[in-house]
Amino acid sequence: MEHIEKQLIGTAWPFWECEGEIAKRYFKTATKEDHIFYLRAQLWKELNPVDGYFNGLHKELENLVNRFGEIDEGIDRHEYHFLLTQLAEEFNHYVLLADIFEYATGSKIRREDTVQMSQEKILGHIRRDYVENGNALTRAAVGFTEGGGARLFREGSKLHGNVINNMTAKAMKTIFEDEKDHYSQQVKICIKLIDSTKDLIEMQKAIEIISLQRVAMRAEMFPGAMSEEEIKVFLKQNSQEL
């Protein structure tokens, strides 16, 4: 079990660290306008977490409301509480980042201020295909790769200096604490599904494809931070270190 866990985490690790490196480089020289640019995309992601696997905060909340009468019958109360808490956490992440956006822009946020970028759309298509046309292994891979190991929030929590940086650090520290252990919880689900080397390889392949697209998504969200060649070199170097 421990060997499989290390292999799965090792497969995703270089991509997660690359997400963190992209954010780290971007934040190093980010202007107010740069913060506004990435926040537009990240705020969309907060309202629509794991597009293709999760149905967006509104639909998930609506589903929980509709299932309230099933507590301790159709759905265990502990599971219901977990899902409710998860939704509250996700919405709080939106609240924290939206506060930064409003400070940076000097105006109230509107729904049209959030945007789904092109690489995020591709990521959503990949996830949906694995969920709808794949199997339990690929669906678990989608859950495992959610959040990219929280590397964006790890790097954002280190910012300091001006007001926007300080606000970002405070917000992302909260988000990082909420999400830093998600992958370790999800990997346990993955392990239970793996019965053979073939299963392991199939899941690793899905993890690689999703994670590579996550890197492309971050590169678009944080333009100019790392070139395609720099990303290739970074991934190769970090893969060799595993």
C-alpha atoms as a PDB file:
ATOM      1  CA  MET A   1       0.000   0.000   0.000  1.00  0.00           C
ATOM      2  CA  GLU A   2       2.754   2.444   0.957  1.00  0.00           C
ATOM      3  CA  HIS A   3       4.626   1.656  -2.258  1.00  0.00           C
ATOM      4  CA  ILE A   4       1.549   2.398  -4.386  1.00  0.00           C
ATOM      5  CA  GLU A   5       0.890   5.632  -2.500  1.00  0.00           C
ATOM      6  CA  LYS A   6       4.451   6.815  -3.149  1.00  0.00           C
ATOM      7  CA  GLN A   7       4.127   5.987  -6.842  1.00  0.00           C
ATOM      8  CA  LEU A   8       0.871   7.903  -7.224  1.00  0.00           C
ATOM      9  CA  ILE A   9       2.133  10.951  -5.338  1.00  0.00           C
ATOM     10  CA  GLY A  10       5.432  10.740  -7.207  1.00  0.00           C
ATOM     11  CA  THR A  11       3.572  10.823 -10.519  1.00  0.00           C
ATOM     12  CA  ALA A  12       1.811  14.080  -9.659  1.00  0.00           C
ATOM     13  CA  TRP A  13       4.579  15.713  -7.625  1.00  0.00           C
ATOM     14  CA  PRO A  14       6.608  17.369 -10.458  1.00  0.00           C
ATOM     15  CA  PHE A  15       3.442  18.904 -11.922  1.00  0.00           C
ATOM     16  CA  TRP A  16       2.296  20.205  -8.532  1.00  0.00           C
ATOM     17  CA  GLU A  17       5.689  21.761  -7.875  1.00  0.00           C
ATOM     18  CA  CYS A  18       5.588  23.329 -11.333  1.00  0.00           C
ATOM     19  CA  GLU A  19       2.248  24.954 -10.511  1.00  0.00           C
ATOM     20  CA  GLY A  20       3.872  26.371  -7.398  1.00  0.00           C
ATOM     21  CA  GLU A  21       6.926  27.598  -9.307  1.00  0.00           C
ATOM     22  CA  ILE A  22       4.748  29.384 -11.881  1.00  0.00           C
ATOM     23  CA  ALA A  23       2.859  31.203  -9.114  1.00  0.00           C
ATOM     24  CA  LYS A  24       6.057  31.976  -7.203  1.00  0.00           C
ATOM     25  CA  ARG A  25       7.699  33.641 -10.208  1.00  0.00           C
ATOM     26  CA  TYR A  26       4.538  35.553 -11.130  1.00  0.00           C
ATOM     27  CA  PHE A  27       3.995  36.911  -7.637  1.00  0.00           C
ATOM     28  CA  LYS A  28       7.623  38.052  -7.393  1.00  0.00           C
ATOM     29  CA  THR A  29       7.031  40.938  -9.826  1.00  0.00           C
ATOM     30  CA  ALA A  30       3.215  41.133  -9.847  1.00  0.00           C
ATOM     31  CA  THR A  31       1.620  44.560 -10.176  1.00  0.00           C
ATOM     32  CA  LYS A  32      -1.894  45.424  -9.054  1.00  0.00           C
ATOM     33  CA  GLU A  33      -3.081  44.743 -12.604  1.00  0.00           C
ATOM     34  CA  ASP A  34      -1.366  41.336 -12.544  1.00  0.00           C
ATOM     35  CA  HIS A  35      -3.245  40.422  -9.366  1.00  0.00           C
ATOM     36  CA  ILE A  36      -6.523  41.480 -10.936  1.00  0.00           C
ATOM     37  CA  PHE A  37      -5.781  39.369 -14.025  1.00  0.00           C
ATOM     38  CA  TYR A  38      -5.168  36.069 -12.234  1.00  0.00           C
ATOM     39  CA  LEU A  39      -7.911  36.675  -9.659  1.00  0.00           C
ATOM     40  CA  ARG A  40     -10.536  36.863 -12.402  1.00  0.00           C
ATOM     41  CA  ALA A  41      -9.655  33.291 -13.384  1.00  0.00           C
ATOM     42  CA  GLN A  42      -9.127  31.968  -9.858  1.00  0.00           C
ATOM     43  CA  LEU A  43     -12.434  33.390  -8.656  1.00  0.00           C
ATOM     44  CA  TRP A  44     -14.195  31.507 -11.436  1.00  0.00           C
ATOM     45  CA  LYS A  45     -12.461  28.339 -10.259  1.00  0.00           C
ATOM     46  CA  GLU A  46     -13.584  28.944  -6.677  1.00  0.00           C
ATOM     47  CA  LEU A  47     -17.208  29.165  -7.791  1.00  0.00           C
ATOM     48  CA  ASN A  48     -16.819  26.148 -10.079  1.00  0.00           C
ATOM     49  CA  PRO A  49     -14.359  23.821  -8.294  1.00  0.00           C
ATOM     50  CA  VAL A  50     -13.230  20.733 -10.211  1.00  0.00           C
ATOM     51  CA  ASP A  51     -15.301  21.506 -13.287  1.00  0.00           C
ATOM     52  CA  GLY A  52     -16.410  18.172 -14.724  1.00  0.00           C
ATOM     53  CA  TYR A  53     -16.252  16.312 -11.406  1.00  0.00           C
ATOM     54  CA  PHE A  54     -17.930  18.728  -9.024  1.00  0.00           C
ATOM     55  CA  ASN A  55     -21.033  20.546 -10.296  1.00  0.00           C
ATOM     56  CA  GLY A  56     -20.284  24.064  -9.060  1.00  0.00           C
ATOM     57  CA  LEU A  57     -21.195  25.542  -5.689  1.00  0.00           C
ATOM     58  CA  HIS A  58     -24.746  26.505  -6.657  1.00  0.00           C
ATOM     59  CA  LYS A  59     -25.736  23.072  -7.967  1.00  0.00           C
ATOM     60  CA  GLU A  60     -24.009  21.213  -5.141  1.00  0.00           C
ATOM     61  CA  LEU A  61     -25.722  23.405  -2.526  1.00  0.00           C
ATOM     62  CA  GLU A  62     -29.068  22.924  -4.256  1.00  0.00           C
ATOM     63  CA  ASN A  63     -28.503  19.162  -4.200  1.00  0.00           C
ATOM     64  CA  LEU A  64     -27.786  19.221  -0.458  1.00  0.00           C
ATOM     65  CA  VAL A  65     -30.930  21.260   0.212  1.00  0.00           C
ATOM     66  CA  ASN A  66     -32.994  18.783  -1.790  1.00  0.00           C
ATOM     67  CA  ARG A  67     -31.495  15.859   0.160  1.00  0.00           C
ATOM     68  CA  PHE A  68     -32.068  17.363   3.601  1.00  0.00           C
ATOM     69  CA  GLY A  69     -35.075  15.134   4.161  1.00  0.00           C
ATOM     70  CA  GLU A  70     -32.935  12.046   3.503  1.00  0.00           C
ATOM     71  CA  ILE A  71     -30.599  12.600   6.467  1.00  0.00           C
ATOM     72  CA  ASP A  72     -30.054   9.297   8.346  1.00  0.00           C
ATOM     73  CA  GLU A  73     -32.144   7.517   5.721  1.00  0.00           C
ATOM     74  CA  GLY A  74     -30.814   8.092   2.191  1.00  0.00           C
ATOM     75  CA  ILE A  75     -27.630   9.835   3.346  1.00  0.00           C
ATOM     76  CA  ASP A  76     -25.623   9.418   6.548  1.00  0.00           C
ATOM     77  CA  ARG A  77     -25.644  12.542   8.751  1.00  0.00           C
ATOM     78  CA  HIS A  78     -21.853  12.498   9.001  1.00  0.00           C
ATOM     79  CA  GLU A  79     -21.486  12.447   5.225  1.00  0.00           C
ATOM     80  CA  TYR A  80     -24.066  15.247   4.933  1.00  0.00           C
ATOM     81  CA  HIS A  81     -22.168  17.356   7.452  1.00  0.00           C
ATOM     82  CA  PHE A  82     -18.892  16.713   5.636  1.00  0.00           C
ATOM     83  CA  LEU A  83     -20.382  17.840   2.308  1.00  0.00           C
ATOM     84  CA  LEU A  84     -21.958  20.907   3.917  1.00  0.00           C
ATOM     85  CA  THR A  85     -18.660  21.846   5.567  1.00  0.00           C
ATOM     86  CA  GLN A  86     -16.820  21.363   2.284  1.00  0.00           C
ATOM     87  CA  LEU A  87     -19.204  23.736   0.510  1.00  0.00           C
ATOM     88  CA  ALA A  88     -18.830  26.340   3.267  1.00  0.00           C
ATOM     89  CA  GLU A  89     -15.028  26.120   2.953  1.00  0.00           C
ATOM     90  CA  GLU A  90     -15.147  26.524  -0.820  1.00  0.00           C
ATOM     91  CA  PHE A  91     -17.414  29.560  -0.581  1.00  0.00           C
ATOM     92  CA  ASN A  92     -15.178  31.100   2.062  1.00  0.00           C
ATOM     93  CA  HIS A  93     -12.256  30.794  -0.370  1.00  0.00           C
ATOM     94  CA  TYR A  94     -14.278  32.780  -2.901  1.00  0.00           C
ATOM     95  CA  VAL A  95     -15.110  35.411  -0.244  1.00  0.00           C
ATOM     96  CA  LEU A  96     -11.464  35.858   0.750  1.00  0.00           C
ATOM     97  CA  LEU A  97     -10.195  36.244  -2.819  1.00  0.00           C
ATOM     98  CA  ALA A  98     -13.126  38.430  -3.889  1.00  0.00           C
ATOM     99  CA  ASP A  99     -12.216  40.848  -1.085  1.00  0.00           C
ATOM    100  CA  ILE A 100      -8.737  41.180  -2.602  1.00  0.00           C
ATOM    101  CA  PHE A 101     -10.220  41.684  -6.069  1.00  0.00           C
ATOM    102  CA  GLU A 102     -12.485  44.475  -4.826  1.00  0.00           C
ATOM    103  CA  TYR A 103      -9.597  46.179  -3.052  1.00  0.00           C
ATOM    104  CA  ALA A 104      -7.433  45.987  -6.188  1.00  0.00           C
ATOM    105  CA  THR A 105     -10.130  47.235  -8.564  1.00  0.00           C
ATOM    106  CA  GLY A 106     -11.746  49.710  -6.195  1.00  0.00           C
ATOM    107  CA  SER A 107     -15.231  48.497  -7.134  1.00  0.00           C
ATOM    108  CA  LYS A 108     -17.789  45.833  -6.181  1.00  0.00           C
ATOM    109  CA  ILE A 109     -17.302  42.488  -7.860  1.00  0.00           C
ATOM    110  CA  ARG A 110     -19.835  41.316 -10.441  1.00  0.00           C
ATOM    111  CA  ARG A 111     -20.375  37.782 -11.670  1.00  0.00           C
ATOM    112  CA  GLU A 112     -19.069  38.780 -15.111  1.00  0.00           C
ATOM    113  CA  ASP A 113     -15.771  39.772 -13.484  1.00  0.00           C
ATOM    114  CA  THR A 114     -14.943  36.077 -13.143  1.00  0.00           C
ATOM    115  CA  VAL A 115     -13.810  34.249 -16.264  1.00  0.00           C
ATOM    116  CA  GLN A 116     -13.147  30.699 -17.383  1.00  0.00           C
ATOM    117  CA  MET A 117      -9.958  30.788 -19.428  1.00  0.00           C
ATOM    118  CA  SER A 118      -9.313  28.559 -22.446  1.00  0.00           C
ATOM    119  CA  GLN A 119      -6.903  26.127 -20.756  1.00  0.00           C
ATOM    120  CA  GLU A 120      -9.336  25.759 -17.844  1.00  0.00           C
ATOM    121  CA  LYS A 121     -12.039  24.795 -20.354  1.00  0.00           C
ATOM    122  CA  ILE A 122      -9.768  22.106 -21.775  1.00  0.00           C
ATOM    123  CA  LEU A 123      -9.078  20.862 -18.246  1.00  0.00           C
ATOM    124  CA  GLY A 124     -12.823  20.637 -17.666  1.00  0.00           C
ATOM    125  CA  HIS A 125     -13.291  18.598 -20.849  1.00  0.00           C
ATOM    126  CA  ILE A 126     -10.556  16.171 -19.771  1.00  0.00           C
ATOM    127  CA  ARG A 127     -12.094  15.742 -16.341  1.00  0.00           C
ATOM    128  CA  ARG A 128     -15.596  15.233 -17.693  1.00  0.00           C
ATOM    129  CA  ASP A 129     -14.369  12.621 -20.148  1.00  0.00           C
ATOM    130  CA  TYR A 130     -12.643  10.678 -17.365  1.00  0.00           C
ATOM    131  CA  VAL A 131     -15.716  10.922 -15.132  1.00  0.00           C
ATOM    132  CA  GLU A 132     -18.421  10.251 -17.716  1.00  0.00           C
ATOM    133  CA  ASN A 133     -16.647   7.904 -20.135  1.00  0.00           C
ATOM    134  CA  GLY A 134     -13.931   6.410 -17.955  1.00  0.00           C
ATOM    135  CA  ASN A 135     -14.153   4.148 -14.922  1.00  0.00           C
ATOM    136  CA  ALA A 136     -13.642   4.195 -11.153  1.00  0.00           C
ATOM    137  CA  LEU A 137      -9.871   4.474 -11.634  1.00  0.00           C
ATOM    138  CA  THR A 138      -9.994   7.577 -13.837  1.00  0.00           C
ATOM    139  CA  ARG A 139     -12.692   9.177 -11.708  1.00  0.00           C
ATOM    140  CA  ALA A 140     -10.483   8.727  -8.637  1.00  0.00           C
ATOM    141  CA  ALA A 141      -7.572  10.267 -10.560  1.00  0.00           C
ATOM    142  CA  VAL A 142      -9.693  13.387 -11.106  1.00  0.00           C
ATOM    143  CA  GLY A 143     -10.343  13.661  -7.376  1.00  0.00           C
ATOM    144  CA  PHE A 144      -6.703  13.024  -6.502  1.00  0.00           C
ATOM    145  CA  THR A 145      -5.376  15.768  -8.803  1.00  0.00           C
ATOM    146  CA  GLU A 146      -7.882  18.375  -7.594  1.00  0.00           C
ATOM    147  CA  GLY A 147      -6.120  21.476  -6.320  1.00  0.00           C
ATOM    148  CA  GLY A 148      -2.665  20.596  -7.622  1.00  0.00           C
ATOM    149  CA  GLY A 149      -1.427  19.746  -4.149  1.00  0.00           C
ATOM    150  CA  ALA A 150      -2.420  23.292  -3.026  1.00  0.00           C
ATOM    151  CA  ARG A 151       0.899  24.616  -4.358  1.00  0.00           C
ATOM    152  CA  LEU A 152      -0.574  27.924  -5.549  1.00  0.00           C
ATOM    153  CA  PHE A 153      -1.842  28.644  -2.049  1.00  0.00           C
ATOM    154  CA  ARG A 154       1.419  27.536  -0.454  1.00  0.00           C
ATOM    155  CA  GLU A 155       3.309  30.117  -2.499  1.00  0.00           C
ATOM    156  CA  GLY A 156       0.700  32.841  -2.114  1.00  0.00           C
ATOM    157  CA  SER A 157       0.772  32.450   1.664  1.00  0.00           C
ATOM    158  CA  LYS A 158       4.426  33.594   1.662  1.00  0.00           C
ATOM    159  CA  LEU A 159       3.776  37.026   0.147  1.00  0.00           C
ATOM    160  CA  HIS A 160       4.448  40.212   2.088  1.00  0.00           C
ATOM    161  CA  GLY A 161       5.228  43.870   1.592  1.00  0.00           C
ATOM    162  CA  ASN A 162       2.265  45.827   0.242  1.00  0.00           C
ATOM    163  CA  VAL A 163      -1.429  45.695   1.113  1.00  0.00           C
ATOM    164  CA  ILE A 164      -2.423  43.367  -1.734  1.00  0.00           C
ATOM    165  CA  ASN A 165       0.427  40.976  -0.925  1.00  0.00           C
ATOM    166  CA  ASN A 166      -0.501  40.930   2.740  1.00  0.00           C
ATOM    167  CA  MET A 167      -4.167  40.331   1.955  1.00  0.00           C
ATOM    168  CA  THR A 168      -3.200  37.566  -0.457  1.00  0.00           C
ATOM    169  CA  ALA A 169      -0.932  35.891   2.084  1.00  0.00           C
ATOM    170  CA  LYS A 170      -3.646  35.912   4.742  1.00  0.00           C
ATOM    171  CA  ALA A 171      -6.293  34.531   2.361  1.00  0.00           C
ATOM    172  CA  MET A 172      -4.079  31.882   0.830  1.00  0.00           C
ATOM    173  CA  LYS A 173      -2.811  30.703   4.203  1.00  0.00           C
ATOM    174  CA  THR A 174      -6.412  29.930   5.127  1.00  0.00           C
ATOM    175  CA  ILE A 175      -7.044  28.166   1.811  1.00  0.00           C
ATOM    176  CA  PHE A 176      -3.774  26.226   2.073  1.00  0.00           C
ATOM    177  CA  GLU A 177      -4.659  24.974   5.554  1.00  0.00           C
ATOM    178  CA  ASP A 178      -8.061  23.845   4.255  1.00  0.00           C
ATOM    179  CA  GLU A 179      -6.684  22.071   1.187  1.00  0.00           C
ATOM    180  CA  LYS A 180      -3.127  20.914   1.948  1.00  0.00           C
ATOM    181  CA  ASP A 181      -4.248  17.428   3.045  1.00  0.00           C
ATOM    182  CA  HIS A 182      -6.844  16.825   0.335  1.00  0.00           C
ATOM    183  CA  TYR A 183      -4.508  14.798  -1.863  1.00  0.00           C
ATOM    184  CA  SER A 184      -3.489  12.548   1.048  1.00  0.00           C
ATOM    185  CA  GLN A 185      -7.154  11.798   1.692  1.00  0.00           C
ATOM    186  CA  GLN A 186      -7.902  11.193  -1.981  1.00  0.00           C
ATOM    187  CA  VAL A 187      -4.902   8.906  -2.500  1.00  0.00           C
ATOM    188  CA  LYS A 188      -6.411   6.439  -0.011  1.00  0.00           C
ATOM    189  CA  ILE A 189      -9.467   6.179  -2.263  1.00  0.00           C
ATOM    190  CA  CYS A 190      -7.189   5.553  -5.229  1.00  0.00           C
ATOM    191  CA  ILE A 191      -5.258   2.785  -3.482  1.00  0.00           C
ATOM    192  CA  LYS A 192      -8.433   0.826  -2.699  1.00  0.00           C
ATOM    193  CA  LEU A 193      -9.247   0.685  -6.424  1.00  0.00           C
ATOM    194  CA  ILE A 194      -5.881  -0.635  -7.595  1.00  0.00           C
ATOM    195  CA  ASP A 195      -5.782  -4.427  -7.881  1.00  0.00           C
ATOM    196  CA  SER A 196      -3.040  -4.878 -10.462  1.00  0.00           C
ATOM    197  CA  THR A 197      -0.075  -3.266 -12.179  1.00  0.00           C
ATOM    198  CA  LYS A 198      -2.390  -2.519 -15.103  1.00  0.00           C
ATOM    199  CA  ASP A 199      -4.704  -0.555 -12.804  1.00  0.00           C
ATOM    200  CA  LEU A 200      -1.768   1.404 -11.401  1.00  0.00           C
ATOM    201  CA  ILE A 201      -0.479   2.302 -14.862  1.00  0.00           C
ATOM    202  CA  GLU A 202      -3.948   3.398 -16.011  1.00  0.00           C
ATOM    203  CA  MET A 203      -4.362   5.661 -13.002  1.00  0.00           C
ATOM    204  CA  GLN A 204      -0.862   7.101 -13.346  1.00  0.00           C
ATOM    205  CA  LYS A 205      -1.522   7.907 -16.992  1.00  0.00           C
ATOM    206  CA  ALA A 206      -4.713   9.762 -16.093  1.00  0.00           C
ATOM    207  CA  ILE A 207      -2.886  11.641 -13.322  1.00  0.00           C
ATOM    208  CA  GLU A 208      -0.160  12.697 -15.766  1.00  0.00           C
ATOM    209  CA  ILE A 209      -2.611  13.929 -18.402  1.00  0.00           C
ATOM    210  CA  ILE A 210      -4.733  15.896 -15.945  1.00  0.00           C
ATOM    211  CA  SER A 211      -1.711  17.324 -14.123  1.00  0.00           C
ATOM    212  CA  LEU A 212       0.007  18.427 -17.321  1.00  0.00           C
ATOM    213  CA  GLN A 213      -3.131  20.283 -18.336  1.00  0.00           C
ATOM    214  CA  ARG A 214      -3.279  21.863 -14.887  1.00  0.00           C
ATOM    215  CA  VAL A 215       0.213  23.249 -15.527  1.00  0.00           C
ATOM    216  CA  ALA A 216      -0.997  24.678 -18.851  1.00  0.00           C
ATOM    217  CA  MET A 217      -3.954  26.213 -17.011  1.00  0.00           C
ATOM    218  CA  ARG A 218      -1.648  27.885 -14.482  1.00  0.00           C
ATOM    219  CA  ALA A 219       0.688  29.120 -17.219  1.00  0.00           C
ATOM    220  CA  GLU A 220      -2.256  30.873 -18.878  1.00  0.00           C
ATOM    221  CA  MET A 221      -3.521  32.232 -15.559  1.00  0.00           C
ATOM    222  CA  PHE A 222      -0.057  33.584 -14.689  1.00  0.00           C
ATOM    223  CA  PRO A 223       1.217  34.730 -18.109  1.00  0.00           C
ATOM    224  CA  GLY A 224       4.924  35.251 -18.619  1.00  0.00           C
ATOM    225  CA  ALA A 225       5.968  33.474 -15.434  1.00  0.00           C
ATOM    226  CA  MET A 226       7.463  30.432 -17.191  1.00  0.00           C
ATOM    227  CA  SER A 227       7.948  29.683 -20.875  1.00  0.00           C
ATOM    228  CA  GLU A 228       6.991  26.320 -22.392  1.00  0.00           C
ATOM    229  CA  GLU A 229      10.661  25.370 -22.530  1.00  0.00           C
ATOM    230  CA  GLU A 230      11.217  26.340 -18.905  1.00  0.00           C
ATOM    231  CA  ILE A 231       8.232  24.230 -17.909  1.00  0.00           C
ATOM    232  CA  LYS A 232       9.581  21.214 -19.815  1.00  0.00           C
ATOM    233  CA  VAL A 233      12.981  21.555 -18.161  1.00  0.00           C
ATOM    234  CA  PHE A 234      11.453  22.018 -14.713  1.00  0.00           C
ATOM    235  CA  LEU A 235       9.261  18.922 -15.060  1.00  0.00           C
ATOM    236  CA  LYS A 236      12.173  16.837 -16.306  1.00  0.00           C
ATOM    237  CA  GLN A 237      14.494  17.949 -13.506  1.00  0.00           C
ATOM    238  CA  ASN A 238      11.937  17.375 -10.772  1.00  0.00           C
ATOM    239  CA  SER A 239      10.958  13.980 -12.180  1.00  0.00           C
ATOM    240  CA  GLN A 240      14.601  12.892 -12.018  1.00  0.00           C
ATOM    241  CA  GLU A 241      14.794  13.880  -8.370  1.00  0.00           C
ATOM    242  CA  LEU A 242      11.977  11.539  -7.309  1.00  0.00           C
END
